[in-house]
Amino acid sequence: MPANLTPQYMEAEEALQRAITPEEKLDALEEMLRAIPKHKGTEKMQADIKRRIARLREASEAARKKGKADPYRVEREGAGQVFVVGPPNSGKSALVGALTKAKVVVAAYPFATAWPVPGMMKHEDILIQLVDTPPATGGNCPPALAASVRGGDAVIIVVDASIDSCLDDLQDQLDLLEDRRVISDGRPCMVVLSKTDLPGAAGNAEILIEAYPEARFALVSVQSGAGFQELPGAVFEMLGII
């Protein structure tokens, strides 16, 4: 059965994509739930929205109980701390989940990750902390999140290589990190091109690598497992751990 989404629902979904604070995201999600047509064709969407609302409420309540504790702050663990950033639906959560077994939120809809989620990646006998982050775009990067990323040792930018906008997506992420003073001080940075098993990804990857000859690149596919054996070593090398 088709969803037949209403204009009110579409407006609320657009508001969610513009939302920056948890409160704004919660308001948008609640409006989406109110506006979505209630029938069998939207049951799964309704359940997804309810889960996202519940997660945001739980996180907000936990932050409230901690007083002024920063929900974007992640305690450092392991030999290095690497923040994984990227636009919505780039595959960064799936990447962190596959490398660390952390309980990340992987979903087909955008902005599924509301707060940073840390996990530990092993390279030989060394543990490196990877931190999945809420998707960031030029208009959607809370200052507290940028401050946390600045506190890390390195950054991984994840870009979906299978879509036509991948070149613009990468430049948008680089501009954002430069503007937030994350990579302007020479902090190590790697670009991971995801979903390389999909049509068009190979050609797009060649274009990206040619366009940014000085950048570190890694090509991976969560579906096929390609690139995952080499990636921990590449991250280790980027960190320069002795």
Protein backbone atom coordinates (compact mmCIF):
# COMPACT_ATOMS: atom_id res chain seq x y z
CA MET A 1 0.00 0.00 0.00
CA PRO A 2 1.50 3.42 -0.93
CA ALA A 3 2.30 5.80 1.91
CA ASN A 4 0.55 8.83 0.29
CA LEU A 5 2.43 11.25 2.52
CA THR A 6 0.76 14.59 3.15
CA PRO A 7 2.29 18.05 2.51
CA GLN A 8 2.30 18.57 6.29
CA TYR A 9 4.40 15.45 6.74
CA MET A 10 6.84 16.53 4.02
CA GLU A 11 7.21 19.95 5.67
CA ALA A 12 7.94 18.30 9.02
CA GLU A 13 10.53 16.04 7.39
CA GLU A 14 12.23 19.08 5.86
CA ALA A 15 12.21 20.72 9.29
CA LEU A 16 13.95 17.64 10.70
CA GLN A 17 16.70 17.93 8.10
CA ARG A 18 17.23 21.58 9.08
CA ALA A 19 17.10 20.86 12.82
CA ILE A 20 20.29 21.35 14.80
CA THR A 21 19.41 20.93 18.47
CA PRO A 22 17.87 17.77 19.97
CA GLU A 23 14.80 19.82 20.89
CA GLU A 24 14.31 20.93 17.28
CA LYS A 25 14.71 17.34 16.07
CA LEU A 26 12.19 16.10 18.64
CA ASP A 27 9.64 18.75 17.64
CA ALA A 28 10.02 17.82 13.97
CA LEU A 29 9.71 14.09 14.64
CA GLU A 30 6.59 14.59 16.75
CA GLU A 31 5.04 16.67 13.97
CA MET A 32 5.95 13.94 11.46
CA LEU A 33 4.16 11.40 13.65
CA ARG A 34 1.09 13.62 13.91
CA ALA A 35 0.98 14.30 10.16
CA ILE A 36 1.71 10.85 8.77
CA PRO A 37 -1.35 9.04 7.38
CA LYS A 38 -2.33 6.21 9.72
CA HIS A 39 -2.75 3.07 7.62
CA LYS A 40 -1.02 -0.24 6.96
CA GLY A 41 1.29 1.25 4.33
CA THR A 42 2.92 3.57 6.90
CA GLU A 43 3.10 1.20 9.88
CA LYS A 44 6.86 0.66 9.52
CA MET A 45 7.50 4.39 9.08
CA GLN A 46 5.40 5.14 12.18
CA ALA A 47 7.39 2.60 14.19
CA ASP A 48 10.70 4.11 13.00
CA ILE A 49 9.57 7.62 13.97
CA LYS A 50 8.41 6.42 17.40
CA ARG A 51 11.77 4.73 18.02
CA ARG A 52 13.63 7.90 17.08
CA ILE A 53 11.42 9.98 19.38
CA ALA A 54 12.03 7.53 22.23
CA ARG A 55 15.82 7.65 21.71
CA LEU A 56 15.86 11.44 21.70
CA ARG A 57 13.72 11.62 24.84
CA GLU A 58 15.95 9.11 26.62
CA ALA A 59 19.09 11.00 25.61
CA SER A 60 17.58 14.34 26.66
CA GLU A 61 16.52 12.90 30.02
CA ALA A 62 19.98 11.44 30.59
CA ALA A 63 21.57 14.79 29.77
CA ARG A 64 19.12 16.58 32.10
CA LYS A 65 19.96 14.24 34.98
CA LYS A 66 23.65 14.93 34.45
CA GLY A 67 22.99 18.63 34.78
CA LYS A 68 25.06 20.52 32.24
CA ALA A 69 26.95 17.49 30.96
CA ASP A 70 27.77 17.80 27.26
CA PRO A 71 26.01 14.98 25.36
CA TYR A 72 28.46 15.39 22.48
CA ARG A 73 31.52 14.77 24.64
CA VAL A 74 33.10 11.31 24.35
CA GLU A 75 35.55 9.96 26.90
CA ARG A 76 38.80 9.06 25.19
CA GLU A 77 39.81 5.39 25.13
CA GLY A 78 42.48 3.36 23.39
CA ALA A 79 45.63 4.47 21.60
CA GLY A 80 43.84 7.10 19.52
CA GLN A 81 40.46 8.76 19.08
CA VAL A 82 39.10 9.14 15.54
CA PHE A 83 35.81 10.89 14.79
CA VAL A 84 33.86 9.58 11.80
CA VAL A 85 31.87 12.31 10.05
CA GLY A 86 29.82 12.58 6.89
CA PRO A 87 26.56 13.68 5.29
CA PRO A 88 23.26 11.89 5.88
CA ASN A 89 23.08 8.29 4.61
CA SER A 90 26.76 8.24 3.68
CA GLY A 91 27.32 4.88 5.38
CA LYS A 92 29.40 6.13 8.32
CA SER A 93 27.30 4.38 10.96
CA ALA A 94 27.49 1.10 9.06
CA LEU A 95 31.26 1.58 8.78
CA VAL A 96 31.73 2.15 12.52
CA GLY A 97 29.41 -0.74 13.33
CA ALA A 98 31.32 -3.12 11.06
CA LEU A 99 34.73 -2.10 12.42
CA THR A 100 33.88 -1.92 16.13
CA LYS A 101 30.61 -3.81 16.76
CA ALA A 102 29.33 -0.66 18.48
CA LYS A 103 25.54 -0.34 18.76
CA VAL A 104 25.17 2.27 16.05
CA VAL A 105 21.87 3.15 14.39
CA VAL A 106 21.87 2.09 10.72
CA ALA A 107 18.74 3.16 8.84
CA ALA A 108 17.59 4.07 5.36
CA TYR A 109 16.28 7.45 6.55
CA PRO A 110 18.56 10.46 7.18
CA PHE A 111 19.65 11.80 10.59
CA ALA A 112 19.17 8.47 12.37
CA THR A 113 22.22 9.11 14.58
CA ALA A 114 21.36 11.73 17.22
CA TRP A 115 24.47 11.58 19.45
CA PRO A 116 28.09 10.41 19.13
CA VAL A 117 28.49 6.64 19.49
CA PRO A 118 31.99 5.31 20.36
CA GLY A 119 33.37 1.88 19.61
CA MET A 120 36.77 0.20 19.71
CA MET A 121 38.54 -0.97 16.55
CA LYS A 122 41.39 -3.45 16.85
CA HIS A 123 44.56 -3.35 14.77
CA GLU A 124 46.91 -6.17 15.70
CA ASP A 125 47.17 -5.74 19.51
CA ILE A 126 46.21 -2.05 19.56
CA LEU A 127 42.74 -0.61 20.20
CA ILE A 128 41.67 2.60 18.46
CA GLN A 129 38.48 4.43 19.34
CA LEU A 130 36.15 5.30 16.45
CA VAL A 131 33.28 7.69 17.17
CA ASP A 132 30.21 7.72 14.94
CA THR A 133 28.67 11.20 14.83
CA PRO A 134 25.35 12.78 13.87
CA PRO A 135 25.37 13.64 10.15
CA ALA A 136 26.78 17.09 9.51
CA THR A 137 26.13 19.52 6.68
CA GLY A 138 26.92 23.19 6.31
CA GLY A 139 23.76 24.18 8.16
CA ASN A 140 23.63 21.31 10.62
CA CYS A 141 26.64 21.04 12.90
CA PRO A 142 26.15 22.02 16.55
CA PRO A 143 29.13 23.91 18.02
CA ALA A 144 29.44 21.31 20.80
CA LEU A 145 29.81 18.54 18.22
CA ALA A 146 32.49 20.49 16.35
CA ALA A 147 34.33 21.04 19.65
CA SER A 148 34.30 17.31 20.37
CA VAL A 149 35.65 16.49 16.92
CA ARG A 150 38.42 19.06 17.43
CA GLY A 151 39.39 17.18 20.58
CA GLY A 152 40.05 13.97 18.66
CA ASP A 153 43.31 12.81 17.15
CA ALA A 154 42.06 12.40 13.58
CA VAL A 155 38.99 12.53 11.36
CA ILE A 156 37.49 10.11 8.86
CA ILE A 157 35.11 11.60 6.29
CA VAL A 158 32.70 9.04 4.84
CA VAL A 159 31.20 9.75 1.42
CA ASP A 160 28.81 7.58 -0.57
CA ALA A 161 30.74 6.95 -3.80
CA SER A 162 27.69 5.60 -5.62
CA ILE A 163 25.77 8.88 -5.89
CA ASP A 164 26.26 11.70 -8.38
CA SER A 165 26.64 14.32 -5.63
CA CYS A 166 29.67 12.61 -4.04
CA LEU A 167 32.12 15.28 -5.24
CA ASP A 168 29.96 18.07 -3.81
CA ASP A 169 29.40 16.04 -0.63
CA LEU A 170 33.14 15.70 -0.02
CA GLN A 171 33.82 19.37 -0.67
CA ASP A 172 30.95 20.31 1.66
CA GLN A 173 32.48 18.19 4.43
CA LEU A 174 35.96 19.62 3.87
CA ASP A 175 34.59 23.18 3.92
CA LEU A 176 32.65 22.44 7.10
CA LEU A 177 35.67 20.95 8.89
CA GLU A 178 37.83 23.87 7.77
CA ASP A 179 35.23 26.40 8.90
CA ARG A 180 34.93 24.69 12.31
CA ARG A 181 38.75 24.64 12.65
CA VAL A 182 38.86 20.85 12.76
CA ILE A 183 41.41 20.23 9.99
CA SER A 184 42.90 23.71 9.67
CA ASP A 185 45.63 22.85 12.19
CA GLY A 186 46.91 19.87 10.23
CA ARG A 187 44.90 17.20 12.07
CA PRO A 188 45.15 13.90 10.15
CA CYS A 189 42.18 13.24 7.89
CA MET A 190 41.14 10.30 5.72
CA VAL A 191 38.35 10.04 3.16
CA VAL A 192 36.53 6.70 3.11
CA LEU A 193 34.48 6.10 -0.01
CA SER A 194 31.63 3.80 0.90
CA LYS A 195 29.16 1.63 -1.04
CA THR A 196 31.77 0.86 -3.69
CA ASP A 197 29.87 -2.28 -4.67
CA LEU A 198 27.06 -0.20 -6.19
CA PRO A 199 26.83 0.86 -9.86
CA GLY A 200 28.74 4.04 -10.70
CA ALA A 201 30.89 3.95 -7.56
CA ALA A 202 34.12 2.88 -9.29
CA GLY A 203 33.99 5.72 -11.80
CA ASN A 204 33.08 8.26 -9.13
CA ALA A 205 35.95 7.05 -6.93
CA GLU A 206 38.42 7.67 -9.75
CA ILE A 207 37.10 11.20 -10.19
CA LEU A 208 37.33 11.94 -6.46
CA ILE A 209 40.86 10.59 -6.12
CA GLU A 210 41.99 12.59 -9.14
CA ALA A 211 40.31 15.75 -7.81
CA TYR A 212 42.04 15.49 -4.41
CA PRO A 213 45.53 14.09 -5.10
CA GLU A 214 46.86 15.04 -1.66
CA ALA A 215 44.09 13.32 0.30
CA ARG A 216 44.22 9.88 1.93
CA PHE A 217 41.57 7.63 0.42
CA ALA A 218 40.17 4.23 1.34
CA LEU A 219 37.49 2.36 -0.62
CA VAL A 220 35.10 0.07 1.22
CA SER A 221 31.84 -1.81 0.93
CA VAL A 222 29.96 -2.97 4.01
CA GLN A 223 27.90 -5.32 1.85
CA SER A 224 30.83 -7.14 0.22
CA GLY A 225 33.42 -6.54 2.94
CA ALA A 226 35.85 -5.02 0.44
CA GLY A 227 38.49 -2.78 2.01
CA PHE A 228 37.81 -3.71 5.63
CA GLN A 229 40.88 -5.87 6.06
CA GLU A 230 43.18 -2.99 5.11
CA LEU A 231 41.33 -0.09 6.76
CA PRO A 232 42.41 -0.58 10.42
CA GLY A 233 46.05 -0.55 9.35
CA ALA A 234 45.51 2.59 7.29
CA VAL A 235 43.92 4.35 10.28
CA PHE A 236 46.78 3.20 12.51
CA GLU A 237 49.30 4.59 10.01
CA MET A 238 47.40 7.89 9.76
CA LEU A 239 47.56 8.33 13.54
CA GLY A 240 51.31 7.78 13.55
CA ILE A 241 51.13 5.63 16.67
CA ILE A 242 54.52 4.43 17.84
